[in-house]
Amino acid sequence: MIDIIGMIFIGIGLFFDFLGCLGLIRLPDVYNRLQASTKCVTFGTCSILFGTFLMLGFTAGGIKALFCMVFIALTSPVSAHALARGAHKSGVKLWDKSVCDKYEEDKTKIEKIKKD
């Protein structure tokens, strides 16, 4: 029974990884692509690793899967933020239909504080 639940988690993870890859192809700019890949692939990969843990149990492989889940959950959002911040600082433009630019708002606030 636990193997079936593990396979379900692996299937869900593969589906979310597929959606993340599809988002990398279909979305218009680097910021939207980062959002799709970070959220979908993080959840998908963690789901695959959790399914692996369920199937292996508390063996060496299962514990490694849990450690990898924690590592991915901590590092993936941080790295995506760093990439987005670097892209913004290097001048990569947002999509024409983007609604807001929080990085630019923060930049203007800081410049205004420095003037005063």
N, C-alpha and C. Protein backbone atom coordinates (compact mmCIF):
# COMPACT_ATOMS: atom_id res chain seq x y z
N MET A 1 0.82 -1.20 0.00
CA MET A 1 0.00 0.00 0.00
C MET A 1 0.86 1.26 0.00
N ILE A 2 1.94 1.25 0.78
CA ILE A 2 2.81 2.42 0.85
C ILE A 2 3.53 2.65 -0.47
N ASP A 3 3.80 1.56 -1.20
CA ASP A 3 4.42 1.70 -2.52
C ASP A 3 3.49 2.40 -3.50
N ILE A 4 2.20 2.13 -3.40
CA ILE A 4 1.22 2.79 -4.28
C ILE A 4 1.16 4.29 -3.97
N ILE A 5 1.16 4.62 -2.69
CA ILE A 5 1.15 6.04 -2.30
C ILE A 5 2.43 6.72 -2.78
N GLY A 6 3.55 6.03 -2.65
CA GLY A 6 4.82 6.56 -3.15
C GLY A 6 4.79 6.80 -4.65
N MET A 7 4.21 5.87 -5.40
CA MET A 7 4.08 6.04 -6.85
C MET A 7 3.15 7.21 -7.19
N ILE A 8 2.12 7.42 -6.39
CA ILE A 8 1.22 8.57 -6.62
C ILE A 8 1.99 9.87 -6.43
N PHE A 9 2.79 9.96 -5.37
CA PHE A 9 3.60 11.16 -5.15
C PHE A 9 4.60 11.37 -6.29
N ILE A 10 5.19 10.30 -6.76
CA ILE A 10 6.12 10.41 -7.88
C ILE A 10 5.40 10.88 -9.14
N GLY A 11 4.21 10.37 -9.38
CA GLY A 11 3.42 10.81 -10.53
C GLY A 11 3.04 12.28 -10.45
N ILE A 12 2.62 12.71 -9.26
CA ILE A 12 2.30 14.13 -9.06
C ILE A 12 3.54 14.99 -9.29
N GLY A 13 4.67 14.53 -8.78
CA GLY A 13 5.92 15.27 -8.97
C GLY A 13 6.32 15.37 -10.43
N LEU A 14 6.16 14.29 -11.18
CA LEU A 14 6.47 14.34 -12.61
C LEU A 14 5.55 15.31 -13.34
N PHE A 15 4.28 15.34 -12.95
CA PHE A 15 3.33 16.27 -13.56
C PHE A 15 3.74 17.72 -13.31
N PHE A 16 4.11 18.05 -12.07
CA PHE A 16 4.52 19.42 -11.77
C PHE A 16 5.85 19.76 -12.42
N ASP A 17 6.77 18.82 -12.51
CA ASP A 17 8.01 19.07 -13.23
C ASP A 17 7.74 19.35 -14.70
N PHE A 18 6.80 18.61 -15.27
CA PHE A 18 6.41 18.85 -16.67
C PHE A 18 5.83 20.25 -16.83
N LEU A 19 4.96 20.66 -15.90
CA LEU A 19 4.39 22.01 -15.98
C LEU A 19 5.46 23.08 -15.86
N GLY A 20 6.45 22.87 -14.99
CA GLY A 20 7.55 23.81 -14.86
C GLY A 20 8.36 23.93 -16.14
N CYS A 21 8.61 22.80 -16.78
CA CYS A 21 9.34 22.82 -18.06
C CYS A 21 8.51 23.48 -19.14
N LEU A 22 7.22 23.24 -19.15
CA LEU A 22 6.33 23.89 -20.10
C LEU A 22 6.32 25.41 -19.89
N GLY A 23 6.35 25.82 -18.63
CA GLY A 23 6.41 27.25 -18.32
C GLY A 23 7.69 27.89 -18.81
N LEU A 24 8.80 27.16 -18.77
CA LEU A 24 10.06 27.69 -19.29
C LEU A 24 9.98 27.95 -20.79
N ILE A 25 9.20 27.17 -21.48
CA ILE A 25 9.08 27.33 -22.93
C ILE A 25 8.04 28.39 -23.28
N ARG A 26 6.92 28.40 -22.57
CA ARG A 26 5.78 29.21 -22.99
C ARG A 26 5.73 30.64 -22.43
N LEU A 27 6.32 30.89 -21.30
CA LEU A 27 6.18 32.20 -20.67
C LEU A 27 7.08 33.24 -21.34
N PRO A 28 6.69 34.52 -21.29
CA PRO A 28 7.31 35.53 -22.15
C PRO A 28 8.66 36.09 -21.72
N ASP A 29 8.95 36.21 -20.44
CA ASP A 29 10.21 36.82 -20.05
C ASP A 29 10.90 36.02 -18.95
N VAL A 30 12.12 36.45 -18.63
CA VAL A 30 12.94 35.70 -17.69
C VAL A 30 12.32 35.64 -16.29
N TYR A 31 11.62 36.67 -15.90
CA TYR A 31 11.04 36.72 -14.56
C TYR A 31 9.87 35.75 -14.42
N ASN A 32 9.03 35.69 -15.43
CA ASN A 32 7.93 34.73 -15.41
C ASN A 32 8.45 33.30 -15.51
N ARG A 33 9.48 33.09 -16.29
CA ARG A 33 10.06 31.76 -16.43
C ARG A 33 10.69 31.29 -15.11
N LEU A 34 11.34 32.21 -14.43
CA LEU A 34 11.91 31.85 -13.12
C LEU A 34 10.82 31.46 -12.14
N GLN A 35 9.71 32.19 -12.16
CA GLN A 35 8.61 31.89 -11.25
C GLN A 35 8.05 30.50 -11.54
N ALA A 36 7.85 30.18 -12.81
CA ALA A 36 7.30 28.87 -13.17
C ALA A 36 8.26 27.75 -12.79
N SER A 37 9.51 27.94 -13.11
CA SER A 37 10.46 26.86 -12.83
C SER A 37 10.69 26.69 -11.33
N THR A 38 10.72 27.78 -10.60
CA THR A 38 10.98 27.66 -9.16
C THR A 38 9.84 26.99 -8.43
N LYS A 39 8.63 27.46 -8.64
CA LYS A 39 7.51 26.91 -7.89
C LYS A 39 7.16 25.50 -8.32
N CYS A 40 7.02 25.29 -9.62
CA CYS A 40 6.62 23.96 -10.10
C CYS A 40 7.69 22.91 -9.89
N VAL A 41 8.90 23.25 -10.25
CA VAL A 41 9.96 22.24 -10.17
C VAL A 41 10.34 21.96 -8.72
N THR A 42 10.29 22.97 -7.85
CA THR A 42 10.57 22.72 -6.44
C THR A 42 9.53 21.78 -5.86
N PHE A 43 8.26 22.07 -6.09
CA PHE A 43 7.21 21.19 -5.58
C PHE A 43 7.27 19.81 -6.22
N GLY A 44 7.50 19.79 -7.53
CA GLY A 44 7.54 18.51 -8.24
C GLY A 44 8.70 17.63 -7.79
N THR A 45 9.87 18.22 -7.68
CA THR A 45 11.05 17.44 -7.28
C THR A 45 10.93 16.98 -5.83
N CYS A 46 10.41 17.85 -4.97
CA CYS A 46 10.21 17.44 -3.58
C CYS A 46 9.17 16.32 -3.49
N SER A 47 8.16 16.36 -4.34
CA SER A 47 7.16 15.29 -4.35
C SER A 47 7.77 13.97 -4.82
N ILE A 48 8.62 14.03 -5.83
CA ILE A 48 9.30 12.82 -6.30
C ILE A 48 10.19 12.26 -5.20
N LEU A 49 10.92 13.13 -4.54
CA LEU A 49 11.79 12.67 -3.46
C LEU A 49 11.00 12.11 -2.28
N PHE A 50 9.85 12.71 -1.98
CA PHE A 50 9.02 12.18 -0.90
C PHE A 50 8.45 10.81 -1.26
N GLY A 51 8.04 10.66 -2.51
CA GLY A 51 7.59 9.34 -2.97
C GLY A 51 8.69 8.30 -2.89
N THR A 52 9.90 8.72 -3.21
CA THR A 52 11.05 7.81 -3.09
C THR A 52 11.28 7.43 -1.63
N PHE A 53 11.17 8.43 -0.76
CA PHE A 53 11.32 8.14 0.67
C PHE A 53 10.26 7.14 1.14
N LEU A 54 9.01 7.33 0.71
CA LEU A 54 7.95 6.41 1.13
C LEU A 54 8.24 4.99 0.66
N MET A 55 8.78 4.87 -0.54
CA MET A 55 9.04 3.54 -1.08
C MET A 55 10.27 2.89 -0.43
N LEU A 56 11.27 3.69 -0.09
CA LEU A 56 12.50 3.12 0.49
C LEU A 56 12.46 3.02 2.00
N GLY A 57 11.69 3.90 2.63
CA GLY A 57 11.61 3.89 4.09
C GLY A 57 12.84 4.55 4.70
N PHE A 58 13.09 4.21 5.96
CA PHE A 58 14.22 4.80 6.68
C PHE A 58 15.51 4.05 6.40
N THR A 59 15.84 3.93 5.12
CA THR A 59 17.13 3.36 4.72
C THR A 59 18.06 4.52 4.38
N ALA A 60 19.25 4.19 3.96
CA ALA A 60 20.20 5.24 3.59
C ALA A 60 19.66 6.08 2.43
N GLY A 61 19.07 5.42 1.45
CA GLY A 61 18.50 6.14 0.31
C GLY A 61 17.31 7.01 0.69
N GLY A 62 16.48 6.52 1.59
CA GLY A 62 15.32 7.29 2.03
C GLY A 62 15.70 8.53 2.81
N ILE A 63 16.70 8.39 3.68
CA ILE A 63 17.17 9.54 4.46
C ILE A 63 17.82 10.56 3.54
N LYS A 64 18.56 10.09 2.54
CA LYS A 64 19.16 11.01 1.57
C LYS A 64 18.09 11.77 0.79
N ALA A 65 16.99 11.09 0.48
CA ALA A 65 15.89 11.75 -0.22
C ALA A 65 15.29 12.86 0.64
N LEU A 66 15.14 12.62 1.94
CA LEU A 66 14.63 13.65 2.84
C LEU A 66 15.58 14.84 2.93
N PHE A 67 16.88 14.56 3.03
CA PHE A 67 17.86 15.65 3.07
C PHE A 67 17.84 16.46 1.78
N CYS A 68 17.70 15.78 0.66
CA CYS A 68 17.63 16.48 -0.63
C CYS A 68 16.38 17.35 -0.71
N MET A 69 15.26 16.87 -0.16
CA MET A 69 14.04 17.68 -0.13
C MET A 69 14.27 18.98 0.63
N VAL A 70 14.87 18.87 1.79
CA VAL A 70 15.14 20.07 2.60
C VAL A 70 16.09 21.01 1.86
N PHE A 71 17.13 20.45 1.26
CA PHE A 71 18.10 21.27 0.53
C PHE A 71 17.43 22.00 -0.63
N ILE A 72 16.62 21.32 -1.40
CA ILE A 72 15.93 21.95 -2.54
C ILE A 72 14.94 23.01 -2.07
N ALA A 73 14.21 22.70 -1.01
CA ALA A 73 13.22 23.66 -0.50
C ALA A 73 13.89 24.93 0.01
N LEU A 74 15.11 24.83 0.52
CA LEU A 74 15.81 26.01 1.02
C LEU A 74 16.56 26.77 -0.06
N THR A 75 17.14 26.09 -1.02
CA THR A 75 18.03 26.75 -1.97
C THR A 75 17.34 27.21 -3.25
N SER A 76 16.32 26.54 -3.69
CA SER A 76 15.69 26.89 -4.96
C SER A 76 15.07 28.28 -4.95
N PRO A 77 14.27 28.66 -3.96
CA PRO A 77 13.73 30.03 -3.97
C PRO A 77 14.80 31.11 -3.83
N VAL A 78 15.83 30.82 -3.05
CA VAL A 78 16.91 31.80 -2.87
C VAL A 78 17.67 31.99 -4.17
N SER A 79 17.96 30.91 -4.86
CA SER A 79 18.69 31.04 -6.12
C SER A 79 17.85 31.73 -7.19
N ALA A 80 16.56 31.46 -7.23
CA ALA A 80 15.69 32.13 -8.20
C ALA A 80 15.63 33.64 -7.91
N HIS A 81 15.57 34.00 -6.64
CA HIS A 81 15.58 35.41 -6.29
C HIS A 81 16.89 36.07 -6.71
N ALA A 82 18.00 35.40 -6.48
CA ALA A 82 19.30 35.95 -6.87
C ALA A 82 19.40 36.11 -8.39
N LEU A 83 18.88 35.15 -9.13
CA LEU A 83 18.89 35.25 -10.59
C LEU A 83 18.01 36.40 -11.08
N ALA A 84 16.83 36.54 -10.48
CA ALA A 84 15.93 37.63 -10.87
C ALA A 84 16.54 38.98 -10.53
N ARG A 85 17.14 39.08 -9.38
CA ARG A 85 17.77 40.34 -8.98
C ARG A 85 18.94 40.68 -9.89
N GLY A 86 19.73 39.69 -10.24
CA GLY A 86 20.85 39.91 -11.16
C GLY A 86 20.38 40.30 -12.55
N ALA A 87 19.31 39.67 -13.01
CA ALA A 87 18.76 40.02 -14.32
C ALA A 87 18.25 41.45 -14.32
N HIS A 88 17.60 41.85 -13.24
CA HIS A 88 17.07 43.21 -13.15
C HIS A 88 18.20 44.23 -13.10
N LYS A 89 19.22 43.94 -12.32
CA LYS A 89 20.35 44.87 -12.22
C LYS A 89 21.13 44.98 -13.52
N SER A 90 21.16 43.91 -14.31
CA SER A 90 21.88 43.96 -15.59
C SER A 90 21.04 44.56 -16.70
N GLY A 91 19.79 44.90 -16.41
CA GLY A 91 18.97 45.61 -17.38
C GLY A 91 18.05 44.76 -18.23
N VAL A 92 17.79 43.53 -17.85
CA VAL A 92 16.85 42.70 -18.60
C VAL A 92 15.45 43.28 -18.41
N LYS A 93 14.80 43.58 -19.53
CA LYS A 93 13.49 44.23 -19.49
C LYS A 93 12.38 43.25 -19.13
N LEU A 94 11.37 43.78 -18.47
CA LEU A 94 10.18 43.00 -18.17
C LEU A 94 9.33 42.89 -19.43
N TRP A 95 8.39 41.97 -19.39
CA TRP A 95 7.43 41.81 -20.47
C TRP A 95 6.60 43.08 -20.58
N ASP A 96 6.17 43.44 -21.77
CA ASP A 96 5.41 44.68 -21.99
C ASP A 96 4.14 44.75 -21.15
N LYS A 97 3.51 43.61 -20.90
CA LYS A 97 2.25 43.60 -20.16
C LYS A 97 2.43 43.35 -18.66
N SER A 98 3.64 43.44 -18.17
CA SER A 98 3.87 43.28 -16.73
C SER A 98 3.21 44.43 -15.99
N VAL A 99 2.64 44.13 -14.84
CA VAL A 99 1.86 45.10 -14.10
C VAL A 99 2.72 45.92 -13.14
N CYS A 100 3.62 45.28 -12.42
CA CYS A 100 4.42 46.02 -11.44
C CYS A 100 5.87 45.55 -11.48
N ASP A 101 6.72 46.41 -10.97
CA ASP A 101 8.15 46.13 -10.89
C ASP A 101 8.62 46.54 -9.50
N LYS A 102 8.57 45.62 -8.56
CA LYS A 102 8.92 45.92 -7.17
C LYS A 102 10.40 46.28 -7.02
N TYR A 103 11.27 45.69 -7.82
CA TYR A 103 12.68 46.04 -7.75
C TYR A 103 12.89 47.51 -8.10
N GLU A 104 12.23 47.98 -9.14
CA GLU A 104 12.37 49.38 -9.54
C GLU A 104 11.78 50.31 -8.48
N GLU A 105 10.66 49.91 -7.88
CA GLU A 105 10.07 50.72 -6.81
C GLU A 105 11.04 50.84 -5.63
N ASP A 106 11.66 49.73 -5.25
CA ASP A 106 12.64 49.77 -4.16
C ASP A 106 13.83 50.65 -4.51
N LYS A 107 14.25 50.57 -5.76
CA LYS A 107 15.39 51.36 -6.21
C LYS A 107 15.08 52.86 -6.12
N THR A 108 13.89 53.26 -6.54
CA THR A 108 13.53 54.68 -6.47
C THR A 108 13.36 55.15 -5.03
N LYS A 109 12.86 54.29 -4.16
CA LYS A 109 12.73 54.65 -2.74
C LYS A 109 14.11 54.87 -2.12
N ILE A 110 15.05 54.02 -2.43
CA ILE A 110 16.40 54.15 -1.89
C ILE A 110 17.06 55.42 -2.41
N GLU A 111 16.89 55.72 -3.69
CA GLU A 111 17.47 56.94 -4.25
C GLU A 111 16.86 58.18 -3.62
N LYS A 112 15.56 58.12 -3.33
CA LYS A 112 14.88 59.25 -2.71
C LYS A 112 15.40 59.46 -1.28
N ILE A 113 15.64 58.37 -0.57
CA ILE A 113 16.18 58.47 0.80
C ILE A 113 17.60 59.03 0.77
N LYS A 114 18.39 58.63 -0.19
CA LYS A 114 19.77 59.11 -0.29
C LYS A 114 19.81 60.61 -0.58
N LYS A 115 18.85 61.11 -1.37
CA LYS A 115 18.80 62.54 -1.68
C LYS A 115 18.49 63.36 -0.44
N ASP A 116 17.61 62.83 0.40
CA ASP A 116 17.21 63.58 1.61
C ASP A 116 18.23 63.47 2.67
